[in-house]
């Protein structure tokens, strides 16, 4: 089951866990699933989009796997694979 990341603590614990994928849902670029160690999964980007901009143009989620990200969030894998 996917869950939305709402705080910096959510982000940090997800990254430290090292498992699953981060789904970045962007109003303009769509829904992309990234491995937690992907360069696109950056704390500064998370803080900007989720905390500072209050999720106005997008959301970040954690999912346990790519299949779950695709099924629940309609996310496509990122190009870093």
PDB file of N, CA and C in Angstrom:
ATOM      1  N   UNK A   1       0.835  -1.175   0.000  1.00  0.00           N
ATOM      2  CA  UNK A   1       0.000   0.000   0.000  1.00  0.00           C
ATOM      3  C   UNK A   1       0.888   1.249   0.000  1.00  0.00           C
ATOM      4  N   UNK A   2       0.619   2.174  -0.891  1.00  0.00           N
ATOM      5  CA  UNK A   2       1.375   3.420  -0.983  1.00  0.00           C
ATOM      6  C   UNK A   2       0.933   4.376   0.117  1.00  0.00           C
ATOM      7  N   UNK A   3       1.871   5.254   0.510  1.00  0.00           N
ATOM      8  CA  UNK A   3       1.516   6.275   1.498  1.00  0.00           C
ATOM      9  C   UNK A   3       2.163   7.595   1.100  1.00  0.00           C
ATOM     10  N   UNK A   4       1.452   8.679   1.380  1.00  0.00           N
ATOM     11  CA  UNK A   4       1.961   9.997   1.029  1.00  0.00           C
ATOM     12  C   UNK A   4       2.996  10.448   2.049  1.00  0.00           C
ATOM     13  N   UNK A   5       4.037  11.097   1.551  1.00  0.00           N
ATOM     14  CA  UNK A   5       5.064  11.683   2.405  1.00  0.00           C
ATOM     15  C   UNK A   5       4.687  13.146   2.626  1.00  0.00           C
ATOM     16  N   UNK A   6       4.465  13.520   3.876  1.00  0.00           N
ATOM     17  CA  UNK A   6       3.961  14.854   4.189  1.00  0.00           C
ATOM     18  C   UNK A   6       4.943  15.723   4.968  1.00  0.00           C
ATOM     19  N   UNK A   7       5.903  15.109   5.623  1.00  0.00           N
ATOM     20  CA  UNK A   7       6.847  15.865   6.456  1.00  0.00           C
ATOM     21  C   UNK A   7       8.275  15.483   6.103  1.00  0.00           C
ATOM     22  N   UNK A   8       9.200  16.299   6.567  1.00  0.00           N
ATOM     23  CA  UNK A   8      10.619  15.975   6.357  1.00  0.00           C
ATOM     24  C   UNK A   8      10.966  14.666   7.068  1.00  0.00           C
ATOM     25  N   UNK A   9      10.344  14.414   8.201  1.00  0.00           N
ATOM     26  CA  UNK A   9      10.569  13.167   8.925  1.00  0.00           C
ATOM     27  C   UNK A   9      10.101  11.971   8.098  1.00  0.00           C
ATOM     28  N   UNK A  10       8.949  12.103   7.429  1.00  0.00           N
ATOM     29  CA  UNK A  10       8.468  11.036   6.531  1.00  0.00           C
ATOM     30  C   UNK A  10       9.512  10.755   5.450  1.00  0.00           C
ATOM     31  N   UNK A  11      10.010  11.817   4.851  1.00  0.00           N
ATOM     32  CA  UNK A  11      11.008  11.698   3.785  1.00  0.00           C
ATOM     33  C   UNK A  11      12.264  11.007   4.313  1.00  0.00           C
ATOM     34  N   UNK A  12      12.795  11.511   5.421  1.00  0.00           N
ATOM     35  CA  UNK A  12      14.043  10.977   5.967  1.00  0.00           C
ATOM     36  C   UNK A  12      13.926   9.500   6.323  1.00  0.00           C
ATOM     37  N   UNK A  13      12.843   9.108   6.976  1.00  0.00           N
ATOM     38  CA  UNK A  13      12.703   7.709   7.377  1.00  0.00           C
ATOM     39  C   UNK A  13      12.543   6.797   6.165  1.00  0.00           C
ATOM     40  N   UNK A  14      11.939   7.295   5.107  1.00  0.00           N
ATOM     41  CA  UNK A  14      11.781   6.515   3.883  1.00  0.00           C
ATOM     42  C   UNK A  14      13.131   6.306   3.202  1.00  0.00           C
ATOM     43  N   UNK A  15      13.919   7.347   3.111  1.00  0.00           N
ATOM     44  CA  UNK A  15      15.233   7.256   2.471  1.00  0.00           C
ATOM     45  C   UNK A  15      16.154   6.354   3.281  1.00  0.00           C
ATOM     46  N   UNK A  16      16.157   6.520   4.592  1.00  0.00           N
ATOM     47  CA  UNK A  16      17.006   5.699   5.457  1.00  0.00           C
ATOM     48  C   UNK A  16      16.602   4.228   5.358  1.00  0.00           C
ATOM     49  N   UNK A  17      15.308   3.960   5.206  1.00  0.00           N
ATOM     50  CA  UNK A  17      14.832   2.588   5.065  1.00  0.00           C
ATOM     51  C   UNK A  17      15.427   1.894   3.856  1.00  0.00           C
ATOM     52  N   UNK A  18      15.687   2.651   2.785  1.00  0.00           N
ATOM     53  CA  UNK A  18      16.363   2.132   1.611  1.00  0.00           C
ATOM     54  C   UNK A  18      15.587   1.177   0.729  1.00  0.00           C
ATOM     55  N   UNK A  19      14.315   0.977   1.006  1.00  0.00           N
ATOM     56  CA  UNK A  19      13.532   0.037   0.212  1.00  0.00           C
ATOM     57  C   UNK A  19      12.350   0.741  -0.441  1.00  0.00           C
ATOM     58  N   UNK A  20      11.859   0.141  -1.501  1.00  0.00           N
ATOM     59  CA  UNK A  20      10.684   0.677  -2.175  1.00  0.00           C
ATOM     60  C   UNK A  20      11.033   1.746  -3.180  1.00  0.00           C
ATOM     61  N   UNK A  21      10.010   2.473  -3.590  1.00  0.00           N
ATOM     62  CA  UNK A  21      10.178   3.533  -4.582  1.00  0.00           C
ATOM     63  C   UNK A  21       9.479   4.799  -4.103  1.00  0.00           C
ATOM     64  N   UNK A  22       9.984   5.914  -4.575  1.00  0.00           N
ATOM     65  CA  UNK A  22       9.367   7.205  -4.323  1.00  0.00           C
ATOM     66  C   UNK A  22       8.635   7.604  -5.597  1.00  0.00           C
ATOM     67  N   UNK A  23       7.369   7.907  -5.462  1.00  0.00           N
ATOM     68  CA  UNK A  23       6.572   8.355  -6.603  1.00  0.00           C
ATOM     69  C   UNK A  23       6.394   9.854  -6.462  1.00  0.00           C
ATOM     70  N   UNK A  24       6.888  10.558  -7.461  1.00  0.00           N
ATOM     71  CA  UNK A  24       6.722  12.008  -7.506  1.00  0.00           C
ATOM     72  C   UNK A  24       5.585  12.287  -8.482  1.00  0.00           C
ATOM     73  N   UNK A  25       4.530  12.865  -7.952  1.00  0.00           N
ATOM     74  CA  UNK A  25       3.374  13.234  -8.762  1.00  0.00           C
ATOM     75  C   UNK A  25       3.468  14.730  -8.989  1.00  0.00           C
ATOM     76  N   UNK A  26       3.686  15.118 -10.229  1.00  0.00           N
ATOM     77  CA  UNK A  26       3.854  16.525 -10.578  1.00  0.00           C
ATOM     78  C   UNK A  26       2.722  16.943 -11.495  1.00  0.00           C
ATOM     79  N   UNK A  27       2.150  18.080 -11.196  1.00  0.00           N
ATOM     80  CA  UNK A  27       1.026  18.609 -11.974  1.00  0.00           C
ATOM     81  C   UNK A  27       1.370  18.733 -13.460  1.00  0.00           C
ATOM     82  N   UNK A  28       2.628  18.990 -13.756  1.00  0.00           N
ATOM     83  CA  UNK A  28       3.022  19.248 -15.136  1.00  0.00           C
ATOM     84  C   UNK A  28       3.726  18.074 -15.814  1.00  0.00           C
ATOM     85  N   UNK A  29       4.480  17.278 -15.054  1.00  0.00           N
ATOM     86  CA  UNK A  29       5.265  16.214 -15.688  1.00  0.00           C
ATOM     87  C   UNK A  29       4.726  14.811 -15.449  1.00  0.00           C
ATOM     88  N   UNK A  30       3.677  14.673 -14.659  1.00  0.00           N
ATOM     89  CA  UNK A  30       3.056  13.371 -14.481  1.00  0.00           C
ATOM     90  C   UNK A  30       3.475  12.645 -13.219  1.00  0.00           C
ATOM     91  N   UNK A  31       3.436  11.319 -13.291  1.00  0.00           N
ATOM     92  CA  UNK A  31       3.679  10.452 -12.134  1.00  0.00           C
ATOM     93  C   UNK A  31       4.852   9.540 -12.442  1.00  0.00           C
ATOM     94  N   UNK A  32       5.927   9.717 -11.686  1.00  0.00           N
ATOM     95  CA  UNK A  32       7.142   8.964 -11.947  1.00  0.00           C
ATOM     96  C   UNK A  32       7.609   8.246 -10.689  1.00  0.00           C
ATOM     97  N   UNK A  33       7.919   6.959 -10.823  1.00  0.00           N
ATOM     98  CA  UNK A  33       8.423   6.151  -9.708  1.00  0.00           C
ATOM     99  C   UNK A  33       9.945   6.069  -9.793  1.00  0.00           C
ATOM    100  N   UNK A  34      10.608   6.421  -8.698  1.00  0.00           N
ATOM    101  CA  UNK A  34      12.066   6.439  -8.618  1.00  0.00           C
ATOM    102  C   UNK A  34      12.536   5.493  -7.523  1.00  0.00           C
ATOM    103  N   UNK A  35      13.647   4.770  -7.736  1.00  0.00           N
ATOM    104  CA  UNK A  35      14.217   4.026  -6.612  1.00  0.00           C
ATOM    105  C   UNK A  35      14.648   5.048  -5.551  1.00  0.00           C
ATOM    106  N   UNK A  36      14.671   4.642  -4.292  1.00  0.00           N
ATOM    107  CA  UNK A  36      14.972   5.614  -3.235  1.00  0.00           C
ATOM    108  C   UNK A  36      16.366   6.217  -3.368  1.00  0.00           C
ATOM    109  N   UNK A  37      17.283   5.562  -4.087  1.00  0.00           N
ATOM    110  CA  UNK A  37      18.632   6.116  -4.254  1.00  0.00           C
ATOM    111  C   UNK A  37      18.808   6.887  -5.566  1.00  0.00           C
ATOM    112  N   UNK A  38      17.733   7.167  -6.267  1.00  0.00           N
ATOM    113  CA  UNK A  38      17.780   7.928  -7.514  1.00  0.00           C
ATOM    114  C   UNK A  38      18.198   9.376  -7.228  1.00  0.00           C
ATOM    115  N   UNK A  39      19.028   9.972  -8.084  1.00  0.00           N
ATOM    116  CA  UNK A  39      19.423  11.365  -7.887  1.00  0.00           C
ATOM    117  C   UNK A  39      18.241  12.351  -7.911  1.00  0.00           C
ATOM    118  N   UNK A  40      17.145  11.971  -8.550  1.00  0.00           N
ATOM    119  CA  UNK A  40      15.967  12.852  -8.592  1.00  0.00           C
ATOM    120  C   UNK A  40      15.236  12.917  -7.256  1.00  0.00           C
ATOM    121  N   UNK A  41      15.512  11.965  -6.382  1.00  0.00           N
ATOM    122  CA  UNK A  41      14.873  11.923  -5.066  1.00  0.00           C
ATOM    123  C   UNK A  41      15.774  12.709  -4.122  1.00  0.00           C
ATOM    124  N   UNK A  42      15.596  14.012  -4.137  1.00  0.00           N
ATOM    125  CA  UNK A  42      16.470  14.935  -3.419  1.00  0.00           C
ATOM    126  C   UNK A  42      15.685  15.643  -2.326  1.00  0.00           C
ATOM    127  N   UNK A  43      16.275  15.761  -1.157  1.00  0.00           N
ATOM    128  CA  UNK A  43      15.605  16.397  -0.021  1.00  0.00           C
ATOM    129  C   UNK A  43      15.191  17.830  -0.345  1.00  0.00           C
ATOM    130  N   UNK A  44      16.040  18.572  -1.044  1.00  0.00           N
ATOM    131  CA  UNK A  44      15.704  19.962  -1.375  1.00  0.00           C
ATOM    132  C   UNK A  44      14.473  20.025  -2.276  1.00  0.00           C
ATOM    133  N   UNK A  45      14.355  19.093  -3.225  1.00  0.00           N
ATOM    134  CA  UNK A  45      13.173  19.058  -4.102  1.00  0.00           C
ATOM    135  C   UNK A  45      11.921  18.721  -3.292  1.00  0.00           C
ATOM    136  N   UNK A  46      12.059  17.769  -2.375  1.00  0.00           N
ATOM    137  CA  UNK A  46      10.929  17.400  -1.523  1.00  0.00           C
ATOM    138  C   UNK A  46      10.462  18.594  -0.694  1.00  0.00           C
ATOM    139  N   UNK A  47      11.390  19.262  -0.042  1.00  0.00           N
ATOM    140  CA  UNK A  47      11.045  20.406   0.807  1.00  0.00           C
ATOM    141  C   UNK A  47      10.367  21.491  -0.025  1.00  0.00           C
ATOM    142  N   UNK A  48      10.900  21.763  -1.195  1.00  0.00           N
ATOM    143  CA  UNK A  48      10.323  22.805  -2.059  1.00  0.00           C
ATOM    144  C   UNK A  48       8.891  22.469  -2.467  1.00  0.00           C
ATOM    145  N   UNK A  49       8.675  21.266  -2.996  1.00  0.00           N
ATOM    146  CA  UNK A  49       7.368  20.901  -3.546  1.00  0.00           C
ATOM    147  C   UNK A  49       6.329  20.598  -2.467  1.00  0.00           C
ATOM    148  N   UNK A  50       6.721  19.863  -1.447  1.00  0.00           N
ATOM    149  CA  UNK A  50       5.750  19.392  -0.455  1.00  0.00           C
ATOM    150  C   UNK A  50       5.571  20.364   0.701  1.00  0.00           C
ATOM    151  N   UNK A  51       6.672  20.864   1.241  1.00  0.00           N
ATOM    152  CA  UNK A  51       6.575  21.691   2.450  1.00  0.00           C
ATOM    153  C   UNK A  51       6.384  23.173   2.105  1.00  0.00           C
ATOM    154  N   UNK A  52       7.311  23.738   1.345  1.00  0.00           N
ATOM    155  CA  UNK A  52       7.203  25.176   1.028  1.00  0.00           C
ATOM    156  C   UNK A  52       5.991  25.502   0.171  1.00  0.00           C
ATOM    157  N   UNK A  53       5.775  24.705  -0.880  1.00  0.00           N
ATOM    158  CA  UNK A  53       4.655  24.980  -1.792  1.00  0.00           C
ATOM    159  C   UNK A  53       3.359  24.297  -1.370  1.00  0.00           C
ATOM    160  N   UNK A  54       3.394  23.624  -0.235  1.00  0.00           N
ATOM    161  CA  UNK A  54       2.202  22.996   0.354  1.00  0.00           C
ATOM    162  C   UNK A  54       1.459  22.090  -0.618  1.00  0.00           C
ATOM    163  N   UNK A  55       2.232  21.319  -1.419  1.00  0.00           N
ATOM    164  CA  UNK A  55       1.690  20.323  -2.352  1.00  0.00           C
ATOM    165  C   UNK A  55       0.772  20.939  -3.411  1.00  0.00           C
ATOM    166  N   UNK A  56       0.931  22.214  -3.672  1.00  0.00           N
ATOM    167  CA  UNK A  56       0.077  22.899  -4.648  1.00  0.00           C
ATOM    168  C   UNK A  56       0.208  22.302  -6.051  1.00  0.00           C
ATOM    169  N   UNK A  57       1.424  21.948  -6.459  1.00  0.00           N
ATOM    170  CA  UNK A  57       1.638  21.417  -7.810  1.00  0.00           C
ATOM    171  C   UNK A  57       2.095  19.972  -7.835  1.00  0.00           C
ATOM    172  N   UNK A  58       2.045  19.310  -6.693  1.00  0.00           N
ATOM    173  CA  UNK A  58       2.462  17.919  -6.704  1.00  0.00           C
ATOM    174  C   UNK A  58       2.543  17.300  -5.326  1.00  0.00           C
ATOM    175  N   UNK A  59       2.784  15.995  -5.326  1.00  0.00           N
ATOM    176  CA  UNK A  59       2.839  15.196  -4.103  1.00  0.00           C
ATOM    177  C   UNK A  59       3.962  14.183  -4.225  1.00  0.00           C
ATOM    178  N   UNK A  60       4.446  13.713  -3.091  1.00  0.00           N
ATOM    179  CA  UNK A  60       5.431  12.636  -3.048  1.00  0.00           C
ATOM    180  C   UNK A  60       4.823  11.486  -2.257  1.00  0.00           C
ATOM    181  N   UNK A  61       5.033  10.264  -2.762  1.00  0.00           N
ATOM    182  CA  UNK A  61       4.522   9.062  -2.114  1.00  0.00           C
ATOM    183  C   UNK A  61       5.645   8.030  -2.008  1.00  0.00           C
ATOM    184  N   UNK A  62       5.487   7.097  -1.079  1.00  0.00           N
ATOM    185  CA  UNK A  62       6.332   5.922  -1.006  1.00  0.00           C
ATOM    186  C   UNK A  62       5.464   4.726  -1.349  1.00  0.00           C
ATOM    187  N   UNK A  63       6.021   3.813  -2.126  1.00  0.00           N
ATOM    188  CA  UNK A  63       5.353   2.543  -2.433  1.00  0.00           C
ATOM    189  C   UNK A  63       6.378   1.431  -2.238  1.00  0.00           C
ATOM    190  N   UNK A  64       5.941   0.250  -1.844  1.00  0.00           N
ATOM    191  CA  UNK A  64       6.891  -0.830  -1.581  1.00  0.00           C
ATOM    192  C   UNK A  64       7.563  -1.402  -2.832  1.00  0.00           C
ATOM    193  N   UNK A  65       6.979  -1.160  -4.015  1.00  0.00           N
ATOM    194  CA  UNK A  65       7.550  -1.721  -5.247  1.00  0.00           C
ATOM    195  C   UNK A  65       7.021  -0.963  -6.464  1.00  0.00           C
ATOM    196  N   UNK A  66       7.681  -1.197  -7.606  1.00  0.00           N
ATOM    197  CA  UNK A  66       7.202  -0.600  -8.859  1.00  0.00           C
ATOM    198  C   UNK A  66       5.800  -1.080  -9.220  1.00  0.00           C
ATOM    199  N   UNK A  67       5.500  -2.378  -9.080  1.00  0.00           N
ATOM    200  CA  UNK A  67       4.135  -2.816  -9.414  1.00  0.00           C
ATOM    201  C   UNK A  67       3.060  -2.116  -8.561  1.00  0.00           C
ATOM    202  N   UNK A  68       3.330  -1.922  -7.288  1.00  0.00           N
ATOM    203  CA  UNK A  68       2.366  -1.216  -6.430  1.00  0.00           C
ATOM    204  C   UNK A  68       2.248   0.240  -6.872  1.00  0.00           C
ATOM    205  N   UNK A  69       3.363   0.875  -7.185  1.00  0.00           N
ATOM    206  CA  UNK A  69       3.347   2.265  -7.650  1.00  0.00           C
ATOM    207  C   UNK A  69       2.536   2.396  -8.932  1.00  0.00           C
ATOM    208  N   UNK A  70       2.676   1.438  -9.828  1.00  0.00           N
ATOM    209  CA  UNK A  70       1.923   1.472 -11.084  1.00  0.00           C
ATOM    210  C   UNK A  70       0.443   1.226 -10.848  1.00  0.00           C
ATOM    211  N   UNK A  71       0.130   0.256 -10.012  1.00  0.00           N
ATOM    212  CA  UNK A  71      -1.268  -0.106  -9.787  1.00  0.00           C
ATOM    213  C   UNK A  71      -2.020   0.955  -8.987  1.00  0.00           C
ATOM    214  N   UNK A  72      -1.434   1.437  -7.901  1.00  0.00           N
ATOM    215  CA  UNK A  72      -2.148   2.365  -7.018  1.00  0.00           C
ATOM    216  C   UNK A  72      -2.028   3.823  -7.427  1.00  0.00           C
ATOM    217  N   UNK A  73      -0.878   4.195  -8.018  1.00  0.00           N
ATOM    218  CA  UNK A  73      -0.628   5.609  -8.312  1.00  0.00           C
ATOM    219  C   UNK A  73      -0.470   5.889  -9.804  1.00  0.00           C
ATOM    220  N   UNK A  74      -0.587   4.848 -10.629  1.00  0.00           N
ATOM    221  CA  UNK A  74      -0.458   4.985 -12.092  1.00  0.00           C
ATOM    222  C   UNK A  74       0.882   5.609 -12.496  1.00  0.00           C
ATOM    223  N   UNK A  75       1.942   5.238 -11.763  1.00  0.00           N
ATOM    224  CA  UNK A  75       3.264   5.807 -11.993  1.00  0.00           C
ATOM    225  C   UNK A  75       4.058   5.004 -13.014  1.00  0.00           C
ATOM    226  N   UNK A  76       4.868   5.704 -13.778  1.00  0.00           N
ATOM    227  CA  UNK A  76       5.780   5.096 -14.729  1.00  0.00           C
ATOM    228  C   UNK A  76       7.196   5.115 -14.127  1.00  0.00           C
ATOM    229  N   UNK A  77       8.014   4.096 -14.418  1.00  0.00           N
ATOM    230  CA  UNK A  77       9.395   4.096 -13.905  1.00  0.00           C
ATOM    231  C   UNK A  77      10.191   5.265 -14.465  1.00  0.00           C
ATOM    232  N   UNK A  78      11.105   5.779 -13.669  1.00  0.00           N
ATOM    233  CA  UNK A  78      11.954   6.878 -14.126  1.00  0.00           C
ATOM    234  C   UNK A  78      12.972   6.366 -15.132  1.00  0.00           C
ATOM    235  N   UNK A  79      13.652   7.263 -15.788  1.00  0.00           N
ATOM    236  CA  UNK A  79      14.626   6.922 -16.813  1.00  0.00           C
ATOM    237  C   UNK A  79      15.997   6.551 -16.238  1.00  0.00           C
ATOM    238  N   UNK A  80      16.175   6.674 -14.927  1.00  0.00           N
ATOM    239  CA  UNK A  80      17.478   6.372 -14.343  1.00  0.00           C
ATOM    240  C   UNK A  80      17.727   4.872 -14.249  1.00  0.00           C
ATOM    241  N   UNK A  81      16.693   4.063 -14.500  1.00  0.00           N
ATOM    242  CA  UNK A  81      16.873   2.609 -14.456  1.00  0.00           C
ATOM    243  C   UNK A  81      17.685   2.233 -15.644  1.00  0.00           C
TER     244      UNK A  81
END
